[in-house]
Amino acid sequence: MENIDEVKQAEVHLKRAEAELGIAQRDEQSAQAAEQAAVTDIDAAVHELREAEAHHHEIHFTVDGEEYETRKHKLTPNQIISEFGKQDPAISYLVEIRGTHKVSYQGKGDEEIKLHDCEHFQIVSTGPKPVSDCAGAAAFAEGLRTLGYEPNALPNSPDHVVFNYPVEVGRFAGQTVRLGFVVPPDFPNITPSGPHVSPHVRAIHPTNDLPHPDGGVHQSQSEAFQKGAGGAWQYWSRPCADWGKSKKTVTAYMAHIWRLWETQ
């Protein structure tokens, strides 16, 4: 009888232990489920926080060389043209500048595009060009002063304009150079053919057998600037190829100069 009682006690003990194990396993599963739910909730909260921060992050960009900022992460090309460029979308379209590559939004003015920091846009007019009150070097210098530069003409050469230029992009970013331009009398219909630069920042290479920025770098063409302004000068043969499609403003031309430094 004693052995039978011991067996029964052992069986009861086993059942109790199995029951406790089952409870423990269910508790563990519940704990794991709760832990997974908490991790998922944390991930969702982090995502929401990042989305909220991104929504309030200011995006900086340029339109025709002028700097702007917005908290909107999506805009249509027509909104950029009218709100920032102050132009009429009915007679213009937007172009994004990506280094030497251009993305045209012609015919896509009402399609939203996602904005990214430090993007650059140009507005291309398809309508009549505005008539300027002045022309030539006077118009060019007036436009430069509007952009914050301080242009001066060389002595006895009013069509030779010189000013200090802080380089903002490219390998020379942070340096200040002098730029010189020989401004045609019918500017803005015709632009200066390219910048004269002081000091020498590129090796002299007059031929165009090498692409920008190495080829077409001259010295003799800058003799007037060397004599009139002093220092070492060089001339970059870099005509503004898209001038006929631009707004024909000093801002548009300086956007061309900006891209020359960006691609050094």
Protein backbone atom coordinates (compact mmCIF):
# COMPACT_ATOMS: atom_id res chain seq x y z
CA MET A 1 0.00 0.00 0.00
CA GLU A 2 2.77 2.37 0.82
CA ASN A 3 4.24 1.96 -2.66
CA ILE A 4 0.84 2.67 -4.24
CA ASP A 5 0.51 5.89 -2.24
CA GLU A 6 3.98 6.99 -3.32
CA VAL A 7 3.08 6.37 -6.97
CA LYS A 8 -0.09 8.41 -6.62
CA GLN A 9 1.79 11.22 -4.94
CA ALA A 10 4.35 11.16 -7.72
CA GLU A 11 1.62 11.26 -10.36
CA VAL A 12 -0.02 14.22 -8.61
CA HIS A 13 3.34 15.95 -8.39
CA LEU A 14 3.94 15.34 -12.09
CA LYS A 15 0.56 16.70 -13.10
CA ARG A 16 1.08 19.75 -10.91
CA ALA A 17 4.51 20.33 -12.41
CA GLU A 18 3.13 19.93 -15.94
CA ALA A 19 0.36 22.40 -15.13
CA GLU A 20 2.86 24.89 -13.76
CA LEU A 21 5.01 24.42 -16.86
CA GLY A 22 2.02 25.11 -19.08
CA ILE A 23 1.22 28.27 -17.17
CA ALA A 24 4.85 29.37 -17.36
CA GLN A 25 4.98 28.70 -21.10
CA ARG A 26 1.76 30.67 -21.65
CA ASP A 27 3.17 33.52 -19.55
CA GLU A 28 6.39 33.45 -21.57
CA GLN A 29 4.46 33.53 -24.84
CA SER A 30 2.39 36.41 -23.53
CA ALA A 31 5.56 38.21 -22.45
CA GLN A 32 7.14 37.67 -25.87
CA ALA A 33 4.00 38.91 -27.58
CA ALA A 34 3.92 41.95 -25.32
CA GLU A 35 7.60 42.59 -25.99
CA GLN A 36 7.09 42.33 -29.75
CA ALA A 37 4.09 44.64 -29.56
CA ALA A 38 6.16 47.16 -27.61
CA VAL A 39 9.01 46.98 -30.15
CA THR A 40 6.55 47.50 -33.01
CA ASP A 41 5.00 50.43 -31.16
CA ILE A 42 8.44 51.98 -30.60
CA ASP A 43 9.32 51.58 -34.29
CA ALA A 44 6.06 53.27 -35.27
CA ALA A 45 6.69 56.12 -32.83
CA VAL A 46 10.24 56.63 -34.17
CA HIS A 47 8.90 56.68 -37.73
CA GLU A 48 6.25 59.23 -36.78
CA LEU A 49 8.87 61.39 -35.07
CA ARG A 50 11.15 61.31 -38.10
CA GLU A 51 8.25 62.13 -40.41
CA ALA A 52 7.28 65.05 -38.17
CA GLU A 53 10.87 66.34 -38.06
CA ALA A 54 11.22 65.94 -41.83
CA HIS A 55 7.96 67.81 -42.35
CA HIS A 56 9.28 70.79 -40.40
CA HIS A 57 12.80 70.67 -41.92
CA GLU A 58 13.57 73.62 -44.15
CA ILE A 59 14.65 72.85 -47.70
CA HIS A 60 17.06 75.31 -49.32
CA PHE A 61 17.15 75.68 -53.11
CA THR A 62 17.85 78.26 -55.79
CA VAL A 63 15.74 79.62 -58.64
CA ASP A 64 17.68 81.45 -61.35
CA GLY A 65 20.63 81.69 -58.95
CA GLU A 66 18.63 83.26 -56.11
CA GLU A 67 18.37 81.39 -52.80
CA TYR A 68 15.03 80.37 -51.27
CA GLU A 69 13.77 78.08 -48.53
CA THR A 70 10.52 76.24 -47.80
CA ARG A 71 9.08 73.74 -45.34
CA LYS A 72 7.05 72.11 -48.09
CA HIS A 73 8.56 68.89 -49.38
CA LYS A 74 6.48 68.74 -52.54
CA LEU A 75 5.68 71.54 -54.97
CA THR A 76 4.62 71.72 -58.59
CA PRO A 77 6.93 73.39 -61.12
CA ASN A 78 4.26 76.05 -61.67
CA GLN A 79 4.21 76.82 -57.93
CA ILE A 80 8.00 77.28 -57.94
CA ILE A 81 7.74 79.54 -61.00
CA SER A 82 4.99 81.76 -59.58
CA GLU A 83 5.71 81.73 -55.82
CA PHE A 84 9.50 81.98 -55.91
CA GLY A 85 10.48 83.07 -59.42
CA LYS A 86 7.61 85.59 -59.60
CA GLN A 87 7.05 84.62 -63.22
CA ASP A 88 3.99 83.61 -65.20
CA PRO A 89 3.74 79.80 -65.60
CA ALA A 90 1.61 80.34 -68.69
CA ILE A 91 4.64 81.61 -70.64
CA SER A 92 7.47 79.71 -68.90
CA TYR A 93 8.55 76.32 -67.64
CA LEU A 94 10.95 74.98 -65.02
CA VAL A 95 14.31 73.27 -65.52
CA GLU A 96 16.27 71.51 -62.76
CA ILE A 97 20.07 71.79 -62.97
CA ARG A 98 21.95 68.67 -61.89
CA GLY A 99 25.60 69.47 -62.53
CA THR A 100 25.94 69.43 -66.32
CA HIS A 101 22.64 67.55 -66.70
CA LYS A 102 19.27 69.29 -66.99
CA VAL A 103 15.79 67.96 -66.26
CA SER A 104 12.99 69.81 -68.02
CA TYR A 105 9.49 70.01 -66.57
CA GLN A 106 8.02 71.53 -69.71
CA GLY A 107 4.45 70.25 -70.04
CA LYS A 108 4.53 68.96 -66.44
CA GLY A 109 3.83 72.20 -64.61
CA ASP A 110 1.04 70.80 -62.43
CA GLU A 111 2.74 67.53 -61.47
CA GLU A 112 4.16 67.57 -57.93
CA ILE A 113 7.90 66.99 -57.58
CA LYS A 114 9.70 66.04 -54.37
CA LEU A 115 12.13 68.73 -53.24
CA HIS A 116 15.60 68.00 -51.89
CA ASP A 117 18.05 70.28 -50.12
CA CYS A 118 20.45 72.28 -52.30
CA GLU A 119 18.58 71.79 -55.59
CA HIS A 120 18.94 74.35 -58.37
CA PHE A 121 16.23 75.45 -60.80
CA GLN A 122 16.02 77.79 -63.76
CA ILE A 123 12.92 79.31 -65.29
CA VAL A 124 12.81 79.30 -69.08
CA SER A 125 10.54 81.89 -70.64
CA THR A 126 8.57 81.03 -73.77
CA GLY A 127 6.91 84.47 -74.02
CA PRO A 128 8.09 87.93 -74.99
CA LYS A 129 11.21 89.19 -73.24
CA PRO A 130 10.95 92.33 -71.09
CA VAL A 131 12.55 95.48 -72.44
CA SER A 132 15.32 96.79 -70.15
CA ASP A 133 15.63 100.47 -69.33
CA CYS A 134 19.39 100.32 -69.89
CA ALA A 135 21.81 98.09 -71.74
CA GLY A 136 25.47 97.18 -71.98
CA ALA A 137 27.87 97.48 -69.07
CA ALA A 138 25.51 99.79 -67.14
CA ALA A 139 22.77 97.15 -67.15
CA PHE A 140 25.25 94.43 -66.25
CA ALA A 141 26.69 96.42 -63.33
CA GLU A 142 23.20 97.34 -62.10
CA GLY A 143 22.22 93.66 -62.05
CA LEU A 144 25.41 92.75 -60.17
CA ARG A 145 24.73 95.36 -57.50
CA THR A 146 21.22 93.94 -57.08
CA LEU A 147 22.83 90.57 -56.36
CA GLY A 148 25.09 92.09 -53.70
CA TYR A 149 28.32 92.46 -55.69
CA GLU A 150 30.34 95.68 -55.98
CA PRO A 151 31.38 96.01 -59.63
CA ASN A 152 33.87 98.57 -60.88
CA ALA A 153 34.91 99.49 -64.41
CA LEU A 154 38.56 99.50 -65.44
CA PRO A 155 40.06 102.98 -65.93
CA ASN A 156 39.20 104.29 -69.42
CA SER A 157 37.40 100.99 -70.19
CA PRO A 158 33.76 101.26 -69.04
CA ASP A 159 32.84 97.99 -70.73
CA HIS A 160 35.42 96.06 -68.61
CA VAL A 161 33.72 95.20 -65.30
CA VAL A 162 35.57 93.75 -62.29
CA PHE A 163 34.29 92.58 -58.89
CA ASN A 164 35.13 90.23 -56.02
CA TYR A 165 33.40 86.85 -56.19
CA PRO A 166 33.16 84.49 -53.18
CA VAL A 167 33.14 80.95 -54.59
CA GLU A 168 30.37 78.93 -52.96
CA VAL A 169 30.63 75.53 -54.65
CA GLY A 170 33.10 73.12 -56.20
CA ARG A 171 36.71 72.48 -55.30
CA PHE A 172 37.42 76.21 -54.77
CA ALA A 173 34.51 76.78 -52.39
CA GLY A 174 35.39 79.20 -49.61
CA GLN A 175 37.88 81.19 -51.70
CA THR A 176 37.30 84.70 -53.02
CA VAL A 177 38.52 85.49 -56.51
CA ARG A 178 38.16 88.45 -58.84
CA LEU A 179 36.00 88.11 -61.93
CA GLY A 180 36.19 90.34 -64.96
CA PHE A 181 33.84 90.64 -67.92
CA VAL A 182 33.94 92.51 -71.20
CA VAL A 183 30.28 93.46 -71.54
CA PRO A 184 28.90 93.89 -75.09
CA PRO A 185 27.06 97.19 -75.73
CA ASP A 186 23.84 95.28 -76.55
CA PHE A 187 23.75 93.25 -73.35
CA PRO A 188 21.37 91.60 -72.39
CA ASN A 189 20.76 90.45 -75.96
CA ILE A 190 24.38 89.24 -76.10
CA THR A 191 26.37 88.10 -73.06
CA PRO A 192 30.04 88.37 -72.18
CA SER A 193 31.81 85.44 -73.84
CA GLY A 194 33.22 84.11 -70.58
CA PRO A 195 34.81 85.13 -67.29
CA HIS A 196 38.28 86.52 -66.75
CA VAL A 197 39.57 85.13 -63.45
CA SER A 198 42.24 86.29 -61.00
CA PRO A 199 44.39 84.68 -59.68
CA HIS A 200 45.24 81.72 -61.91
CA VAL A 201 43.26 78.75 -60.59
CA ARG A 202 43.58 76.58 -63.71
CA ALA A 203 46.61 75.65 -65.77
CA ILE A 204 46.83 77.63 -69.01
CA HIS A 205 45.52 75.41 -71.82
CA PRO A 206 44.29 77.55 -74.75
CA THR A 207 43.02 74.75 -77.00
CA ASN A 208 39.65 73.09 -76.61
CA ASP A 209 40.93 69.53 -77.01
CA LEU A 210 40.09 68.98 -73.33
CA PRO A 211 36.59 69.41 -71.88
CA HIS A 212 35.67 71.89 -69.15
CA PRO A 213 37.26 72.73 -66.80
CA ASP A 214 40.69 72.00 -68.31
CA GLY A 215 40.47 73.21 -71.92
CA GLY A 216 39.96 76.72 -73.26
CA VAL A 217 41.94 78.49 -70.52
CA HIS A 218 43.82 81.49 -71.98
CA GLN A 219 46.15 84.17 -70.66
CA SER A 220 46.78 86.68 -73.44
CA GLN A 221 43.09 87.63 -73.70
CA SER A 222 43.21 88.94 -70.12
CA GLU A 223 45.95 91.50 -70.73
CA ALA A 224 43.58 94.47 -70.28
CA PHE A 225 42.50 93.21 -66.85
CA GLN A 226 46.09 92.52 -65.82
CA LYS A 227 47.10 96.08 -66.71
CA GLY A 228 43.97 97.78 -65.41
CA ALA A 229 43.32 95.81 -62.22
CA GLY A 230 46.71 94.28 -61.44
CA GLY A 231 47.55 90.70 -60.57
CA ALA A 232 47.60 87.55 -62.67
CA TRP A 233 44.54 86.96 -64.84
CA GLN A 234 43.31 84.17 -67.10
CA TYR A 235 40.35 83.91 -69.44
CA TRP A 236 37.94 80.97 -69.52
CA SER A 237 36.26 80.52 -72.87
CA ARG A 238 32.86 79.49 -71.53
CA PRO A 239 29.98 81.04 -73.51
CA CYS A 240 26.50 80.79 -72.03
CA ALA A 241 25.03 78.30 -74.50
CA ASP A 242 21.43 78.52 -73.26
CA TRP A 243 21.18 82.29 -73.15
CA GLY A 244 18.52 82.38 -75.85
CA LYS A 245 16.23 80.24 -73.69
CA SER A 246 16.87 82.12 -70.43
CA LYS A 247 15.25 85.24 -68.98
CA LYS A 248 18.28 87.23 -70.20
CA THR A 249 18.99 88.77 -66.81
CA VAL A 250 22.20 89.21 -64.86
CA THR A 251 20.83 86.69 -62.37
CA ALA A 252 20.48 84.11 -65.13
CA TYR A 253 24.00 84.83 -66.40
CA MET A 254 25.51 84.55 -62.91
CA ALA A 255 23.75 81.19 -62.54
CA HIS A 256 25.85 80.13 -65.55
CA ILE A 257 29.01 81.37 -63.77
CA TRP A 258 27.91 79.54 -60.60
CA ARG A 259 27.71 76.27 -62.56
CA LEU A 260 31.22 76.82 -63.96
CA TRP A 261 32.59 76.85 -60.40
CA GLU A 262 30.37 73.98 -59.34
CA THR A 263 31.88 71.76 -62.04
CA GLN A 264 35.55 72.49 -61.31
